[in-house]
C-alpha cells in the first residue's frame, strides 16, 4: 500500500474513533462516574474537569485507533499469506 493511502486510512480511523469514543463514554456514564473520572483526569484540580476529560478521551481514542489499525494490518497480512499458499 502506498504511503499516502496508509496515512489516509490512519486519519480516517482516528477521526471515526475521535468522534465515537468520547460520545459513547459521556452518554453511558452516570453523573457520579463522570465526576469521578473527570477528577482523576484533571490532575487534582489543576485543569478544568470537563476539558481534561475530553482531552483524555480524545487521546485515548487516537491511541486506540492506531492500535486497531496495526492489529488489523497484522491480521490481514497473516490471512493473505495463508490464502496465497
PDB file of N, CA and C in Angstrom:
ATOM      1  N   UNK A   1       0.846  -1.174   0.000  1.00  0.00           N
ATOM      2  CA  UNK A   1       0.000   0.000   0.000  1.00  0.00           C
ATOM      3  C   UNK A   1       0.892   1.238   0.000  1.00  0.00           C
ATOM      4  N   UNK A   2       0.500   2.225  -0.773  1.00  0.00           N
ATOM      5  CA  UNK A   2       1.282   3.444  -0.845  1.00  0.00           C
ATOM      6  C   UNK A   2       1.229   4.183   0.486  1.00  0.00           C
ATOM      7  N   UNK A   3       2.245   4.993   0.708  1.00  0.00           N
ATOM      8  CA  UNK A   3       2.331   5.717   1.970  1.00  0.00           C
ATOM      9  C   UNK A   3       1.173   6.702   2.127  1.00  0.00           C
ATOM     10  N   UNK A   4       0.768   7.337   1.042  1.00  0.00           N
ATOM     11  CA  UNK A   4      -0.340   8.297   1.139  1.00  0.00           C
ATOM     12  C   UNK A   4      -1.650   7.603   1.489  1.00  0.00           C
ATOM     13  N   UNK A   5      -1.860   6.400   0.980  1.00  0.00           N
ATOM     14  CA  UNK A   5      -3.069   5.653   1.334  1.00  0.00           C
ATOM     15  C   UNK A   5      -3.035   5.203   2.787  1.00  0.00           C
ATOM     16  N   UNK A   6      -1.861   4.815   3.265  1.00  0.00           N
ATOM     17  CA  UNK A   6      -1.743   4.422   4.665  1.00  0.00           C
ATOM     18  C   UNK A   6      -2.070   5.594   5.573  1.00  0.00           C
ATOM     19  N   UNK A   7      -1.558   6.756   5.232  1.00  0.00           N
ATOM     20  CA  UNK A   7      -1.834   7.944   6.037  1.00  0.00           C
ATOM     21  C   UNK A   7      -3.313   8.277   5.990  1.00  0.00           C
ATOM     22  N   UNK A   8      -3.934   8.137   4.829  1.00  0.00           N
ATOM     23  CA  UNK A   8      -5.360   8.399   4.694  1.00  0.00           C
ATOM     24  C   UNK A   8      -6.178   7.446   5.561  1.00  0.00           C
ATOM     25  N   UNK A   9      -5.802   6.177   5.581  1.00  0.00           N
ATOM     26  CA  UNK A   9      -6.508   5.204   6.416  1.00  0.00           C
ATOM     27  C   UNK A   9      -6.347   5.557   7.887  1.00  0.00           C
ATOM     28  N   UNK A  10      -5.141   5.884   8.314  1.00  0.00           N
ATOM     29  CA  UNK A  10      -4.912   6.270   9.701  1.00  0.00           C
ATOM     30  C   UNK A  10      -5.756   7.487  10.075  1.00  0.00           C
ATOM     31  N   UNK A  11      -5.782   8.486   9.220  1.00  0.00           N
ATOM     32  CA  UNK A  11      -6.527   9.708   9.518  1.00  0.00           C
ATOM     33  C   UNK A  11      -8.026   9.422   9.610  1.00  0.00           C
ATOM     34  N   UNK A  12      -8.552   8.638   8.695  1.00  0.00           N
ATOM     35  CA  UNK A  12      -9.980   8.330   8.720  1.00  0.00           C
ATOM     36  C   UNK A  12     -10.378   7.538   9.961  1.00  0.00           C
ATOM     37  N   UNK A  13      -9.578   6.556  10.337  1.00  0.00           N
ATOM     38  CA  UNK A  13      -9.899   5.763  11.517  1.00  0.00           C
ATOM     39  C   UNK A  13      -9.776   6.603  12.779  1.00  0.00           C
ATOM     40  N   UNK A  14      -8.781   7.464  12.845  1.00  0.00           N
ATOM     41  CA  UNK A  14      -8.638   8.346  14.003  1.00  0.00           C
ATOM     42  C   UNK A  14      -9.839   9.273  14.103  1.00  0.00           C
ATOM     43  N   UNK A  15     -10.312   9.801  12.995  1.00  0.00           N
ATOM     44  CA  UNK A  15     -11.481  10.682  13.027  1.00  0.00           C
ATOM     45  C   UNK A  15     -12.713   9.932  13.503  1.00  0.00           C
ATOM     46  N   UNK A  16     -12.917   8.719  13.017  1.00  0.00           N
ATOM     47  CA  UNK A  16     -14.074   7.934  13.447  1.00  0.00           C
ATOM     48  C   UNK A  16     -13.997   7.632  14.938  1.00  0.00           C
ATOM     49  N   UNK A  17     -12.845   7.192  15.421  1.00  0.00           N
ATOM     50  CA  UNK A  17     -12.696   6.911  16.840  1.00  0.00           C
ATOM     51  C   UNK A  17     -12.812   8.194  17.652  1.00  0.00           C
ATOM     52  N   UNK A  18     -12.271   9.289  17.133  1.00  0.00           N
ATOM     53  CA  UNK A  18     -12.283  10.570  17.811  1.00  0.00           C
ATOM     54  C   UNK A  18     -13.712  11.069  18.005  1.00  0.00           C
ATOM     55  N   UNK A  19     -14.602  10.752  17.065  1.00  0.00           N
ATOM     56  CA  UNK A  19     -15.987  11.188  17.172  1.00  0.00           C
ATOM     57  C   UNK A  19     -16.858  10.239  17.974  1.00  0.00           C
ATOM     58  N   UNK A  20     -16.542   8.953  17.985  1.00  0.00           N
ATOM     59  CA  UNK A  20     -17.439   8.000  18.631  1.00  0.00           C
ATOM     60  C   UNK A  20     -17.079   7.678  20.086  1.00  0.00           C
ATOM     61  N   UNK A  21     -15.817   7.479  20.392  1.00  0.00           N
ATOM     62  CA  UNK A  21     -15.427   7.054  21.740  1.00  0.00           C
ATOM     63  C   UNK A  21     -15.843   8.061  22.815  1.00  0.00           C
ATOM     64  N   UNK A  22     -15.504   9.353  22.675  1.00  0.00           N
ATOM     65  CA  UNK A  22     -15.935  10.283  23.731  1.00  0.00           C
ATOM     66  C   UNK A  22     -17.449  10.373  23.876  1.00  0.00           C
ATOM     67  N   UNK A  23     -18.172  10.305  22.764  1.00  0.00           N
ATOM     68  CA  UNK A  23     -19.622  10.383  22.848  1.00  0.00           C
ATOM     69  C   UNK A  23     -20.209   9.181  23.576  1.00  0.00           C
ATOM     70  N   UNK A  24     -19.701   8.000  23.288  1.00  0.00           N
ATOM     71  CA  UNK A  24     -20.192   6.796  23.950  1.00  0.00           C
ATOM     72  C   UNK A  24     -19.911   6.857  25.450  1.00  0.00           C
ATOM     73  N   UNK A  25     -18.716   7.276  25.809  1.00  0.00           N
ATOM     74  CA  UNK A  25     -18.347   7.340  27.227  1.00  0.00           C
ATOM     75  C   UNK A  25     -19.199   8.364  27.965  1.00  0.00           C
ATOM     76  N   UNK A  26     -19.374   9.532  27.383  1.00  0.00           N
ATOM     77  CA  UNK A  26     -20.147  10.582  28.047  1.00  0.00           C
ATOM     78  C   UNK A  26     -21.612  10.186  28.164  1.00  0.00           C
ATOM     79  N   UNK A  27     -22.154   9.491  27.189  1.00  0.00           N
ATOM     80  CA  UNK A  27     -23.561   9.087  27.246  1.00  0.00           C
ATOM     81  C   UNK A  27     -23.820   7.921  28.197  1.00  0.00           C
ATOM     82  N   UNK A  28     -22.853   7.022  28.364  1.00  0.00           N
ATOM     83  CA  UNK A  28     -23.105   5.829  29.168  1.00  0.00           C
ATOM     84  C   UNK A  28     -22.760   5.994  30.640  1.00  0.00           C
ATOM     85  N   UNK A  29     -21.896   6.912  30.979  1.00  0.00           N
ATOM     86  CA  UNK A  29     -21.517   7.080  32.377  1.00  0.00           C
ATOM     87  C   UNK A  29     -22.586   7.856  33.142  1.00  0.00           C
ATOM     88  N   UNK A  30     -22.774   7.464  34.386  1.00  0.00           N
ATOM     89  CA  UNK A  30     -23.662   8.229  35.252  1.00  0.00           C
ATOM     90  C   UNK A  30     -22.952   9.519  35.650  1.00  0.00           C
ATOM     91  N   UNK A  31     -23.685  10.516  36.123  1.00  0.00           N
ATOM     92  CA  UNK A  31     -23.016  11.765  36.523  1.00  0.00           C
ATOM     93  C   UNK A  31     -21.960  11.570  37.615  1.00  0.00           C
ATOM     94  N   UNK A  32     -22.184  10.625  38.536  1.00  0.00           N
ATOM     95  CA  UNK A  32     -21.199  10.368  39.586  1.00  0.00           C
ATOM     96  C   UNK A  32     -19.921   9.766  39.004  1.00  0.00           C
ATOM     97  N   UNK A  33     -20.086   8.812  38.088  1.00  0.00           N
ATOM     98  CA  UNK A  33     -18.919   8.199  37.452  1.00  0.00           C
ATOM     99  C   UNK A  33     -18.178   9.214  36.581  1.00  0.00           C
ATOM    100  N   UNK A  34     -18.927  10.067  35.907  1.00  0.00           N
ATOM    101  CA  UNK A  34     -18.317  11.095  35.081  1.00  0.00           C
ATOM    102  C   UNK A  34     -17.527  12.086  35.934  1.00  0.00           C
ATOM    103  N   UNK A  35     -18.072  12.438  37.100  1.00  0.00           N
ATOM    104  CA  UNK A  35     -17.364  13.352  38.005  1.00  0.00           C
ATOM    105  C   UNK A  35     -16.100  12.701  38.554  1.00  0.00           C
ATOM    106  N   UNK A  36     -16.182  11.422  38.904  1.00  0.00           N
ATOM    107  CA  UNK A  36     -15.013  10.716  39.416  1.00  0.00           C
ATOM    108  C   UNK A  36     -13.927  10.609  38.351  1.00  0.00           C
ATOM    109  N   UNK A  37     -14.328  10.304  37.115  1.00  0.00           N
ATOM    110  CA  UNK A  37     -13.365  10.199  36.023  1.00  0.00           C
ATOM    111  C   UNK A  37     -12.751  11.555  35.698  1.00  0.00           C
ATOM    112  N   UNK A  38     -13.562  12.605  35.734  1.00  0.00           N
ATOM    113  CA  UNK A  38     -13.015  13.930  35.433  1.00  0.00           C
ATOM    114  C   UNK A  38     -12.096  14.412  36.553  1.00  0.00           C
ATOM    115  N   UNK A  39     -12.369  14.027  37.801  1.00  0.00           N
ATOM    116  CA  UNK A  39     -11.439  14.350  38.885  1.00  0.00           C
ATOM    117  C   UNK A  39     -10.105  13.641  38.698  1.00  0.00           C
ATOM    118  N   UNK A  40     -10.162  12.408  38.241  1.00  0.00           N
ATOM    119  CA  UNK A  40      -8.945  11.634  38.011  1.00  0.00           C
ATOM    120  C   UNK A  40      -8.100  12.229  36.888  1.00  0.00           C
ATOM    121  N   UNK A  41      -8.763  12.679  35.808  1.00  0.00           N
ATOM    122  CA  UNK A  41      -8.020  13.178  34.657  1.00  0.00           C
ATOM    123  C   UNK A  41      -7.603  14.634  34.791  1.00  0.00           C
ATOM    124  N   UNK A  42      -8.153  15.370  35.764  1.00  0.00           N
ATOM    125  CA  UNK A  42      -7.808  16.796  35.883  1.00  0.00           C
ATOM    126  C   UNK A  42      -6.559  17.024  36.714  1.00  0.00           C
ATOM    127  N   UNK A  43      -5.906  15.969  37.151  1.00  0.00           N
ATOM    128  CA  UNK A  43      -4.670  16.046  37.930  1.00  0.00           C
ATOM    129  C   UNK A  43      -4.862  16.853  39.220  1.00  0.00           C
ATOM    130  N   UNK A  44      -5.882  16.500  39.951  1.00  0.00           N
ATOM    131  CA  UNK A  44      -6.112  17.128  41.247  1.00  0.00           C
ATOM    132  C   UNK A  44      -6.620  18.553  41.165  1.00  0.00           C
ATOM    133  N   UNK A  45      -7.407  18.869  40.151  1.00  0.00           N
ATOM    134  CA  UNK A  45      -7.964  20.200  40.020  1.00  0.00           C
ATOM    135  C   UNK A  45      -7.061  21.184  39.316  1.00  0.00           C
ATOM    136  N   UNK A  46      -5.990  20.695  38.729  1.00  0.00           N
ATOM    137  CA  UNK A  46      -5.062  21.572  38.022  1.00  0.00           C
ATOM    138  C   UNK A  46      -5.678  22.130  36.747  1.00  0.00           C
ATOM    139  N   UNK A  47      -6.509  21.318  36.089  1.00  0.00           N
ATOM    140  CA  UNK A  47      -7.181  21.723  34.859  1.00  0.00           C
ATOM    141  C   UNK A  47      -8.690  21.739  35.087  1.00  0.00           C
ATOM    142  N   UNK A  48      -9.407  22.303  34.134  1.00  0.00           N
ATOM    143  CA  UNK A  48     -10.860  22.254  34.147  1.00  0.00           C
ATOM    144  C   UNK A  48     -11.282  20.789  34.016  1.00  0.00           C
ATOM    145  N   UNK A  49     -12.253  20.370  34.803  1.00  0.00           N
ATOM    146  CA  UNK A  49     -12.618  18.954  34.861  1.00  0.00           C
ATOM    147  C   UNK A  49     -13.146  18.426  33.527  1.00  0.00           C
ATOM    148  N   UNK A  50     -14.083  19.124  32.933  1.00  0.00           N
ATOM    149  CA  UNK A  50     -14.673  18.637  31.697  1.00  0.00           C
ATOM    150  C   UNK A  50     -13.691  18.703  30.528  1.00  0.00           C
ATOM    151  N   UNK A  51     -12.914  19.757  30.459  1.00  0.00           N
ATOM    152  CA  UNK A  51     -11.917  19.888  29.402  1.00  0.00           C
ATOM    153  C   UNK A  51     -10.858  18.796  29.508  1.00  0.00           C
ATOM    154  N   UNK A  52     -10.398  18.518  30.716  1.00  0.00           N
ATOM    155  CA  UNK A  52      -9.391  17.468  30.879  1.00  0.00           C
ATOM    156  C   UNK A  52      -9.953  16.101  30.540  1.00  0.00           C
ATOM    157  N   UNK A  53     -11.232  15.874  30.850  1.00  0.00           N
ATOM    158  CA  UNK A  53     -11.865  14.600  30.494  1.00  0.00           C
ATOM    159  C   UNK A  53     -11.947  14.444  28.987  1.00  0.00           C
ATOM    160  N   UNK A  54     -12.324  15.501  28.282  1.00  0.00           N
ATOM    161  CA  UNK A  54     -12.411  15.422  26.825  1.00  0.00           C
ATOM    162  C   UNK A  54     -11.038  15.241  26.188  1.00  0.00           C
ATOM    163  N   UNK A  55     -10.031  15.908  26.717  1.00  0.00           N
ATOM    164  CA  UNK A  55      -8.669  15.724  26.203  1.00  0.00           C
ATOM    165  C   UNK A  55      -8.205  14.289  26.428  1.00  0.00           C
ATOM    166  N   UNK A  56      -8.463  13.742  27.606  1.00  0.00           N
ATOM    167  CA  UNK A  56      -8.089  12.362  27.907  1.00  0.00           C
ATOM    168  C   UNK A  56      -8.804  11.385  26.982  1.00  0.00           C
ATOM    169  N   UNK A  57     -10.102  11.582  26.764  1.00  0.00           N
ATOM    170  CA  UNK A  57     -10.853  10.678  25.890  1.00  0.00           C
ATOM    171  C   UNK A  57     -10.385  10.789  24.444  1.00  0.00           C
ATOM    172  N   UNK A  58     -10.045  11.980  24.004  1.00  0.00           N
ATOM    173  CA  UNK A  58      -9.546  12.150  22.635  1.00  0.00           C
ATOM    174  C   UNK A  58      -8.193  11.474  22.454  1.00  0.00           C
ATOM    175  N   UNK A  59      -7.306  11.636  23.423  1.00  0.00           N
ATOM    176  CA  UNK A  59      -6.008  10.964  23.335  1.00  0.00           C
ATOM    177  C   UNK A  59      -6.166   9.449  23.381  1.00  0.00           C
ATOM    178  N   UNK A  60      -7.068   8.974  24.237  1.00  0.00           N
ATOM    179  CA  UNK A  60      -7.313   7.538  24.313  1.00  0.00           C
ATOM    180  C   UNK A  60      -7.891   7.009  23.008  1.00  0.00           C
ATOM    181  N   UNK A  61      -8.777   7.765  22.372  1.00  0.00           N
ATOM    182  CA  UNK A  61      -9.350   7.307  21.113  1.00  0.00           C
ATOM    183  C   UNK A  61      -8.321   7.305  19.992  1.00  0.00           C
ATOM    184  N   UNK A  62      -7.401   8.257  19.989  1.00  0.00           N
ATOM    185  CA  UNK A  62      -6.342   8.276  18.976  1.00  0.00           C
ATOM    186  C   UNK A  62      -5.416   7.072  19.160  1.00  0.00           C
ATOM    187  N   UNK A  63      -5.038   6.790  20.394  1.00  0.00           N
ATOM    188  CA  UNK A  63      -4.172   5.634  20.666  1.00  0.00           C
ATOM    189  C   UNK A  63      -4.879   4.341  20.303  1.00  0.00           C
ATOM    190  N   UNK A  64      -6.161   4.241  20.641  1.00  0.00           N
ATOM    191  CA  UNK A  64      -6.930   3.047  20.303  1.00  0.00           C
ATOM    192  C   UNK A  64      -7.058   2.873  18.796  1.00  0.00           C
ATOM    193  N   UNK A  65      -7.215   3.955  18.061  1.00  0.00           N
ATOM    194  CA  UNK A  65      -7.310   3.867  16.607  1.00  0.00           C
ATOM    195  C   UNK A  65      -6.003   3.377  15.995  1.00  0.00           C
ATOM    196  N   UNK A  66      -4.885   3.881  16.483  1.00  0.00           N
ATOM    197  CA  UNK A  66      -3.587   3.442  15.963  1.00  0.00           C
ATOM    198  C   UNK A  66      -3.350   1.973  16.268  1.00  0.00           C
ATOM    199  N   UNK A  67      -3.698   1.539  17.474  1.00  0.00           N
ATOM    200  CA  UNK A  67      -3.559   0.119  17.821  1.00  0.00           C
ATOM    201  C   UNK A  67      -4.474  -0.756  16.978  1.00  0.00           C
ATOM    202  N   UNK A  68      -5.681  -0.286  16.722  1.00  0.00           N
ATOM    203  CA  UNK A  68      -6.624  -1.048  15.912  1.00  0.00           C
ATOM    204  C   UNK A  68      -6.110  -1.236  14.496  1.00  0.00           C
ATOM    205  N   UNK A  69      -5.568  -0.196  13.921  1.00  0.00           N
ATOM    206  CA  UNK A  69      -5.051  -0.298  12.550  1.00  0.00           C
ATOM    207  C   UNK A  69      -3.850  -1.231  12.489  1.00  0.00           C
ATOM    208  N   UNK A  70      -2.970  -1.159  13.470  1.00  0.00           N
ATOM    209  CA  UNK A  70      -1.796  -2.032  13.431  1.00  0.00           C
ATOM    210  C   UNK A  70      -2.188  -3.497  13.616  1.00  0.00           C
ATOM    211  N   UNK A  71      -3.110  -3.774  14.514  1.00  0.00           N
ATOM    212  CA  UNK A  71      -3.550  -5.162  14.718  1.00  0.00           C
ATOM    213  C   UNK A  71      -4.293  -5.669  13.492  1.00  0.00           C
ATOM    214  N   UNK A  72      -5.146  -4.850  12.920  1.00  0.00           N
ATOM    215  CA  UNK A  72      -5.882  -5.241  11.726  1.00  0.00           C
ATOM    216  C   UNK A  72      -4.929  -5.499  10.560  1.00  0.00           C
ATOM    217  N   UNK A  73      -3.905  -4.676  10.431  1.00  0.00           N
ATOM    218  CA  UNK A  73      -2.912  -4.890   9.375  1.00  0.00           C
ATOM    219  C   UNK A  73      -2.165  -6.202   9.543  1.00  0.00           C
ATOM    220  N   UNK A  74      -1.811  -6.519  10.779  1.00  0.00           N
ATOM    221  CA  UNK A  74      -1.113  -7.793  11.021  1.00  0.00           C
ATOM    222  C   UNK A  74      -2.015  -8.986  10.727  1.00  0.00           C
ATOM    223  N   UNK A  75      -3.277  -8.895  11.102  1.00  0.00           N
ATOM    224  CA  UNK A  75      -4.217  -9.981  10.816  1.00  0.00           C
ATOM    225  C   UNK A  75      -4.403 -10.133   9.308  1.00  0.00           C
ATOM    226  N   UNK A  76      -4.548  -9.016   8.613  1.00  0.00           N
ATOM    227  CA  UNK A  76      -4.725  -9.057   7.161  1.00  0.00           C
ATOM    228  C   UNK A  76      -3.511  -9.666   6.472  1.00  0.00           C
ATOM    229  N   UNK A  77      -2.308  -9.270   6.907  1.00  0.00           N
ATOM    230  CA  UNK A  77      -1.092  -9.826   6.298  1.00  0.00           C
ATOM    231  C   UNK A  77      -0.998 -11.331   6.535  1.00  0.00           C
ATOM    232  N   UNK A  78      -1.336 -11.778   7.748  1.00  0.00           N
ATOM    233  CA  UNK A  78      -1.250 -13.214   8.025  1.00  0.00           C
ATOM    234  C   UNK A  78      -2.308 -13.993   7.236  1.00  0.00           C
ATOM    235  N   UNK A  79      -3.490 -13.430   7.084  1.00  0.00           N
ATOM    236  CA  UNK A  79      -4.522 -14.123   6.305  1.00  0.00           C
ATOM    237  C   UNK A  79      -4.189 -14.129   4.824  1.00  0.00           C
ATOM    238  N   UNK A  80      -3.596 -13.072   4.315  1.00  0.00           N
ATOM    239  CA  UNK A  80      -3.233 -13.057   2.897  1.00  0.00           C
ATOM    240  C   UNK A  80      -2.084 -14.015   2.606  1.00  0.00           C
ATOM    241  N   UNK A  81      -1.198 -14.216   3.575  1.00  0.00           N
ATOM    242  CA  UNK A  81      -0.121 -15.198   3.392  1.00  0.00           C
ATOM    243  C   UNK A  81      -0.687 -16.612   3.363  1.00  0.00           C
ATOM    244  N   UNK A  82      -1.664 -16.888   4.237  1.00  0.00           N
ATOM    245  CA  UNK A  82      -2.268 -18.204   4.256  1.00  0.00           C
ATOM    246  C   UNK A  82      -3.067 -18.476   2.974  1.00  0.00           C
ATOM    247  N   UNK A  83      -3.698 -17.439   2.450  1.00  0.00           N
ATOM    248  CA  UNK A  83      -4.509 -17.598   1.251  1.00  0.00           C
ATOM    249  C   UNK A  83      -3.634 -17.835   0.027  1.00  0.00           C
ATOM    250  N   UNK A  84      -2.457 -17.232  -0.014  1.00  0.00           N
ATOM    251  CA  UNK A  84      -1.584 -17.373  -1.189  1.00  0.00           C
ATOM    252  C   UNK A  84      -0.869 -18.713  -1.211  1.00  0.00           C
ATOM    253  N   UNK A  85      -0.852 -19.433  -0.135  1.00  0.00           N
ATOM    254  CA  UNK A  85      -0.158 -20.738  -0.114  1.00  0.00           C
ATOM    255  C   UNK A  85      -0.953 -21.813  -0.760  1.00  0.00           C
TER     256      UNK A  85
END
